[in-house]
Amino acid sequence: MNTDRSKLMIAILFIVVCLVAWSLHLMQEAVEHQEFSLMLAGTLVAAAAAAMMTVYFLMSHYVGYLNQISCN
């Protein structure tokens, strides 16, 4: 079970890093072309990456809590 969680964490971390890189690329393009919509898109992608990590950590703690209850 622990190895499954670490594999999942690595996969989610990879996805988040890709989202952040894409967000920075969008924001760089926004500055170069002075386009507000690209800056907004970059901000939304960065917010999605942060939300993904937040949900993962919340669910991780919740599943750990449920496992602890079921063992008792």
C-alpha atoms as a PDB file:
ATOM      1  CA  MET A   1       0.000   0.000   0.000  1.00  0.00           C
ATOM      2  CA  ASN A   2       2.798   2.402   0.858  1.00  0.00           C
ATOM      3  CA  THR A   3       4.532   1.859  -2.493  1.00  0.00           C
ATOM      4  CA  ASP A   4       1.261   2.576  -4.300  1.00  0.00           C
ATOM      5  CA  ARG A   5       0.961   5.870  -2.465  1.00  0.00           C
ATOM      6  CA  SER A   6       4.535   6.858  -3.292  1.00  0.00           C
ATOM      7  CA  LYS A   7       4.005   5.995  -6.981  1.00  0.00           C
ATOM      8  CA  LEU A   8       0.840   8.064  -6.974  1.00  0.00           C
ATOM      9  CA  MET A   9       2.636  10.951  -5.287  1.00  0.00           C
ATOM     10  CA  ILE A  10       5.418  10.871  -7.886  1.00  0.00           C
ATOM     11  CA  ALA A  11       2.862  10.854 -10.707  1.00  0.00           C
ATOM     12  CA  ILE A  12       0.927  13.762  -9.199  1.00  0.00           C
ATOM     13  CA  LEU A  13       4.140  15.675  -8.548  1.00  0.00           C
ATOM     14  CA  PHE A  14       5.152  15.189 -12.195  1.00  0.00           C
ATOM     15  CA  ILE A  15       1.761  16.483 -13.363  1.00  0.00           C
ATOM     16  CA  VAL A  16       2.013  19.502 -11.061  1.00  0.00           C
ATOM     17  CA  VAL A  17       5.521  20.331 -12.284  1.00  0.00           C
ATOM     18  CA  CYS A  18       4.267  20.140 -15.876  1.00  0.00           C
ATOM     19  CA  LEU A  19       1.335  22.420 -15.025  1.00  0.00           C
ATOM     20  CA  VAL A  20       3.624  24.961 -13.372  1.00  0.00           C
ATOM     21  CA  ALA A  21       6.000  24.911 -16.358  1.00  0.00           C
ATOM     22  CA  TRP A  22       3.056  25.441 -18.713  1.00  0.00           C
ATOM     23  CA  SER A  23       1.777  28.249 -16.510  1.00  0.00           C
ATOM     24  CA  LEU A  24       5.146  30.007 -16.589  1.00  0.00           C
ATOM     25  CA  HIS A  25       5.300  29.609 -20.364  1.00  0.00           C
ATOM     26  CA  LEU A  26       1.840  31.142 -20.735  1.00  0.00           C
ATOM     27  CA  MET A  27       2.778  34.056 -18.485  1.00  0.00           C
ATOM     28  CA  GLN A  28       6.007  34.660 -20.405  1.00  0.00           C
ATOM     29  CA  GLU A  29       4.067  34.738 -23.673  1.00  0.00           C
ATOM     30  CA  ALA A  30       1.581  37.124 -22.063  1.00  0.00           C
ATOM     31  CA  VAL A  31       4.340  39.560 -21.127  1.00  0.00           C
ATOM     32  CA  GLU A  32       5.946  39.370 -24.582  1.00  0.00           C
ATOM     33  CA  HIS A  33       2.676  39.942 -26.451  1.00  0.00           C
ATOM     34  CA  GLN A  34       1.097  42.170 -23.768  1.00  0.00           C
ATOM     35  CA  GLU A  35      -1.991  39.974 -23.739  1.00  0.00           C
ATOM     36  CA  PHE A  36      -4.158  39.801 -20.644  1.00  0.00           C
ATOM     37  CA  SER A  37      -5.938  36.574 -21.593  1.00  0.00           C
ATOM     38  CA  LEU A  38      -2.674  34.590 -21.582  1.00  0.00           C
ATOM     39  CA  MET A  39      -1.781  35.986 -18.164  1.00  0.00           C
ATOM     40  CA  LEU A  40      -5.194  34.974 -16.875  1.00  0.00           C
ATOM     41  CA  ALA A  41      -4.798  31.492 -18.373  1.00  0.00           C
ATOM     42  CA  GLY A  42      -1.370  31.127 -16.735  1.00  0.00           C
ATOM     43  CA  THR A  43      -2.788  32.166 -13.381  1.00  0.00           C
ATOM     44  CA  LEU A  44      -5.639  29.679 -13.693  1.00  0.00           C
ATOM     45  CA  VAL A  45      -3.249  26.847 -14.591  1.00  0.00           C
ATOM     46  CA  ALA A  46      -1.059  27.697 -11.574  1.00  0.00           C
ATOM     47  CA  ALA A  47      -4.158  27.739  -9.352  1.00  0.00           C
ATOM     48  CA  ALA A  48      -5.159  24.321 -10.713  1.00  0.00           C
ATOM     49  CA  ALA A  49      -1.706  22.943  -9.839  1.00  0.00           C
ATOM     50  CA  ALA A  50      -1.947  24.306  -6.298  1.00  0.00           C
ATOM     51  CA  ALA A  51      -5.468  22.931  -5.906  1.00  0.00           C
ATOM     52  CA  MET A  52      -4.344  19.515  -7.113  1.00  0.00           C
ATOM     53  CA  MET A  53      -1.617  19.353  -4.459  1.00  0.00           C
ATOM     54  CA  THR A  54      -3.998  20.601  -1.770  1.00  0.00           C
ATOM     55  CA  VAL A  55      -6.614  17.986  -2.590  1.00  0.00           C
ATOM     56  CA  TYR A  56      -3.979  15.248  -2.688  1.00  0.00           C
ATOM     57  CA  PHE A  57      -2.663  16.156   0.771  1.00  0.00           C
ATOM     58  CA  LEU A  58      -6.155  16.468   2.250  1.00  0.00           C
ATOM     59  CA  MET A  59      -7.215  13.101   0.850  1.00  0.00           C
ATOM     60  CA  SER A  60      -3.932  11.517   1.910  1.00  0.00           C
ATOM     61  CA  HIS A  61      -4.476  12.564   5.517  1.00  0.00           C
ATOM     62  CA  TYR A  62      -8.125  11.508   5.386  1.00  0.00           C
ATOM     63  CA  VAL A  63      -7.309   8.050   4.004  1.00  0.00           C
ATOM     64  CA  GLY A  64      -4.584   7.683   6.631  1.00  0.00           C
ATOM     65  CA  TYR A  65      -7.123   8.602   9.301  1.00  0.00           C
ATOM     66  CA  LEU A  66      -9.612   6.042   7.961  1.00  0.00           C
ATOM     67  CA  ASN A  67      -6.910   3.359   7.913  1.00  0.00           C
ATOM     68  CA  GLN A  68      -6.032   4.178  11.515  1.00  0.00           C
ATOM     69  CA  ILE A  69      -9.684   3.888  12.580  1.00  0.00           C
ATOM     70  CA  SER A  70     -10.174   0.582  10.765  1.00  0.00           C
ATOM     71  CA  CYS A  71      -7.103  -0.928  12.442  1.00  0.00           C
ATOM     72  CA  ASN A  72      -8.444  -0.148  15.919  1.00  0.00           C
END
